[in-house]
Amino acid sequence: MGRDLLDVINTPGYVTLIEGDPGIGKTSLALASCARRGKCTYISYAEPEISLKKA
């Protein structure tokens, strides 16, 4: 029996990183995950890709 995506991202002890283009539902997915679990830590971070490549 397969697990749905919300089951996978709500597995205790794991951190889930969701990335992608604007408007594909990242925030909606994260909020659905929080609602299903009852609590979570939600961190939103946006940084231009070029600044992440500077090291």
N, C-alpha and C. Protein backbone atom coordinates (compact mmCIF):
# COMPACT_ATOMS: atom_id res chain seq x y z
N MET A 1 0.85 -1.19 0.00
CA MET A 1 0.00 0.00 0.00
C MET A 1 0.89 1.24 0.00
N GLY A 2 0.68 2.15 -0.91
CA GLY A 2 1.50 3.35 -1.02
C GLY A 2 1.10 4.41 -0.02
N ARG A 3 2.03 5.28 0.27
CA ARG A 3 1.77 6.40 1.18
C ARG A 3 1.55 7.65 0.34
N ASP A 4 0.65 8.52 0.79
CA ASP A 4 0.47 9.74 0.04
C ASP A 4 1.54 10.75 0.43
N LEU A 5 1.67 11.80 -0.36
CA LEU A 5 2.73 12.78 -0.18
C LEU A 5 2.70 13.40 1.21
N LEU A 6 1.52 13.73 1.73
CA LEU A 6 1.44 14.34 3.06
C LEU A 6 1.91 13.39 4.15
N ASP A 7 1.69 12.09 3.99
CA ASP A 7 2.23 11.12 4.95
C ASP A 7 3.75 11.15 4.93
N VAL A 8 4.32 11.20 3.76
CA VAL A 8 5.78 11.18 3.63
C VAL A 8 6.38 12.43 4.25
N ILE A 9 5.85 13.61 3.94
CA ILE A 9 6.47 14.83 4.45
C ILE A 9 6.17 15.08 5.92
N ASN A 10 5.23 14.33 6.49
CA ASN A 10 4.92 14.46 7.91
C ASN A 10 5.58 13.39 8.76
N THR A 11 6.52 12.63 8.20
CA THR A 11 7.21 11.60 8.96
C THR A 11 8.03 12.28 10.05
N PRO A 12 7.80 11.93 11.33
CA PRO A 12 8.55 12.57 12.42
C PRO A 12 10.06 12.38 12.26
N GLY A 13 10.80 13.41 12.62
CA GLY A 13 12.24 13.34 12.59
C GLY A 13 12.87 13.74 11.27
N TYR A 14 12.07 14.20 10.33
CA TYR A 14 12.59 14.60 9.03
C TYR A 14 12.32 16.06 8.76
N VAL A 15 13.16 16.65 7.97
CA VAL A 15 12.97 18.01 7.48
C VAL A 15 12.67 17.91 6.00
N THR A 16 11.70 18.64 5.55
CA THR A 16 11.32 18.61 4.14
C THR A 16 11.61 19.96 3.51
N LEU A 17 12.34 19.96 2.43
CA LEU A 17 12.62 21.16 1.66
C LEU A 17 11.78 21.10 0.39
N ILE A 18 10.98 22.14 0.19
CA ILE A 18 10.14 22.20 -1.01
C ILE A 18 10.63 23.39 -1.83
N GLU A 19 11.03 23.13 -3.06
CA GLU A 19 11.50 24.22 -3.92
C GLU A 19 10.85 24.08 -5.28
N GLY A 20 10.77 25.20 -5.97
CA GLY A 20 10.21 25.18 -7.31
C GLY A 20 9.81 26.57 -7.76
N ASP A 21 9.28 26.63 -8.94
CA ASP A 21 8.87 27.89 -9.52
C ASP A 21 7.71 28.51 -8.75
N PRO A 22 7.56 29.83 -8.85
CA PRO A 22 6.43 30.51 -8.21
C PRO A 22 5.10 29.97 -8.74
N GLY A 23 4.15 29.83 -7.84
CA GLY A 23 2.79 29.47 -8.24
C GLY A 23 2.51 28.00 -8.42
N ILE A 24 3.43 27.11 -8.04
CA ILE A 24 3.18 25.68 -8.25
C ILE A 24 2.56 25.00 -7.02
N GLY A 25 2.40 25.75 -5.92
CA GLY A 25 1.71 25.20 -4.76
C GLY A 25 2.59 24.82 -3.59
N LYS A 26 3.79 25.34 -3.52
CA LYS A 26 4.70 25.00 -2.40
C LYS A 26 4.11 25.41 -1.06
N THR A 27 3.64 26.64 -0.98
CA THR A 27 3.06 27.13 0.28
C THR A 27 1.80 26.36 0.63
N SER A 28 0.95 26.10 -0.35
CA SER A 28 -0.28 25.33 -0.09
C SER A 28 0.04 23.94 0.44
N LEU A 29 1.04 23.30 -0.15
CA LEU A 29 1.45 21.98 0.31
C LEU A 29 1.97 22.03 1.74
N ALA A 30 2.82 23.02 2.03
CA ALA A 30 3.36 23.15 3.38
C ALA A 30 2.26 23.42 4.40
N LEU A 31 1.31 24.27 4.07
CA LEU A 31 0.23 24.58 4.99
C LEU A 31 -0.70 23.38 5.17
N ALA A 32 -0.94 22.61 4.12
CA ALA A 32 -1.75 21.39 4.25
C ALA A 32 -1.05 20.39 5.15
N SER A 33 0.26 20.30 5.03
CA SER A 33 1.04 19.41 5.87
C SER A 33 0.93 19.82 7.34
N CYS A 34 1.07 21.12 7.60
CA CYS A 34 0.95 21.62 8.98
C CYS A 34 -0.45 21.35 9.54
N ALA A 35 -1.46 21.58 8.74
CA ALA A 35 -2.85 21.36 9.19
C ALA A 35 -3.08 19.88 9.50
N ARG A 36 -2.55 19.01 8.67
CA ARG A 36 -2.75 17.57 8.87
C ARG A 36 -2.04 17.08 10.13
N ARG A 37 -0.88 17.62 10.36
CA ARG A 37 -0.10 17.20 11.53
C ARG A 37 -0.58 17.86 12.81
N GLY A 38 -1.18 19.03 12.68
CA GLY A 38 -1.67 19.74 13.85
C GLY A 38 -0.70 20.80 14.34
N LYS A 39 0.56 20.64 14.00
CA LYS A 39 1.57 21.64 14.36
C LYS A 39 2.82 21.37 13.52
N CYS A 40 3.59 22.40 13.30
CA CYS A 40 4.86 22.24 12.60
C CYS A 40 5.60 23.56 12.67
N THR A 41 6.83 23.53 12.27
CA THR A 41 7.62 24.75 12.11
C THR A 41 7.70 25.01 10.63
N TYR A 42 7.26 26.17 10.22
CA TYR A 42 7.23 26.54 8.81
C TYR A 42 8.17 27.71 8.62
N ILE A 43 9.16 27.54 7.78
CA ILE A 43 10.12 28.61 7.50
C ILE A 43 10.07 28.89 6.01
N SER A 44 9.87 30.14 5.67
CA SER A 44 9.86 30.56 4.27
C SER A 44 11.10 31.41 4.03
N TYR A 45 11.83 31.06 2.98
CA TYR A 45 13.07 31.77 2.70
C TYR A 45 13.19 31.97 1.20
N ALA A 46 13.43 33.17 0.79
CA ALA A 46 13.60 33.45 -0.63
C ALA A 46 14.89 34.25 -0.80
N GLU A 47 15.72 33.78 -1.67
CA GLU A 47 16.99 34.44 -1.94
C GLU A 47 17.29 34.24 -3.43
N PRO A 48 17.74 35.26 -4.11
CA PRO A 48 18.09 35.08 -5.53
C PRO A 48 19.12 33.97 -5.70
N GLU A 49 18.95 33.15 -6.70
CA GLU A 49 19.83 32.01 -6.93
C GLU A 49 21.29 32.42 -7.05
N ILE A 50 21.55 33.54 -7.65
CA ILE A 50 22.93 34.00 -7.83
C ILE A 50 23.62 34.22 -6.49
N SER A 51 22.90 34.72 -5.51
CA SER A 51 23.53 34.96 -4.20
C SER A 51 23.81 33.65 -3.46
N LEU A 52 23.05 32.60 -3.76
CA LEU A 52 23.30 31.31 -3.13
C LEU A 52 24.54 30.63 -3.73
N LYS A 53 24.86 30.99 -4.96
CA LYS A 53 26.03 30.39 -5.62
C LYS A 53 27.33 31.07 -5.24
N LYS A 54 27.25 32.26 -4.66
CA LYS A 54 28.46 32.95 -4.21
C LYS A 54 28.98 32.26 -2.96
N ALA A 55 30.24 31.88 -2.97
CA ALA A 55 30.78 31.23 -1.78
C ALA A 55 32.23 31.60 -1.55
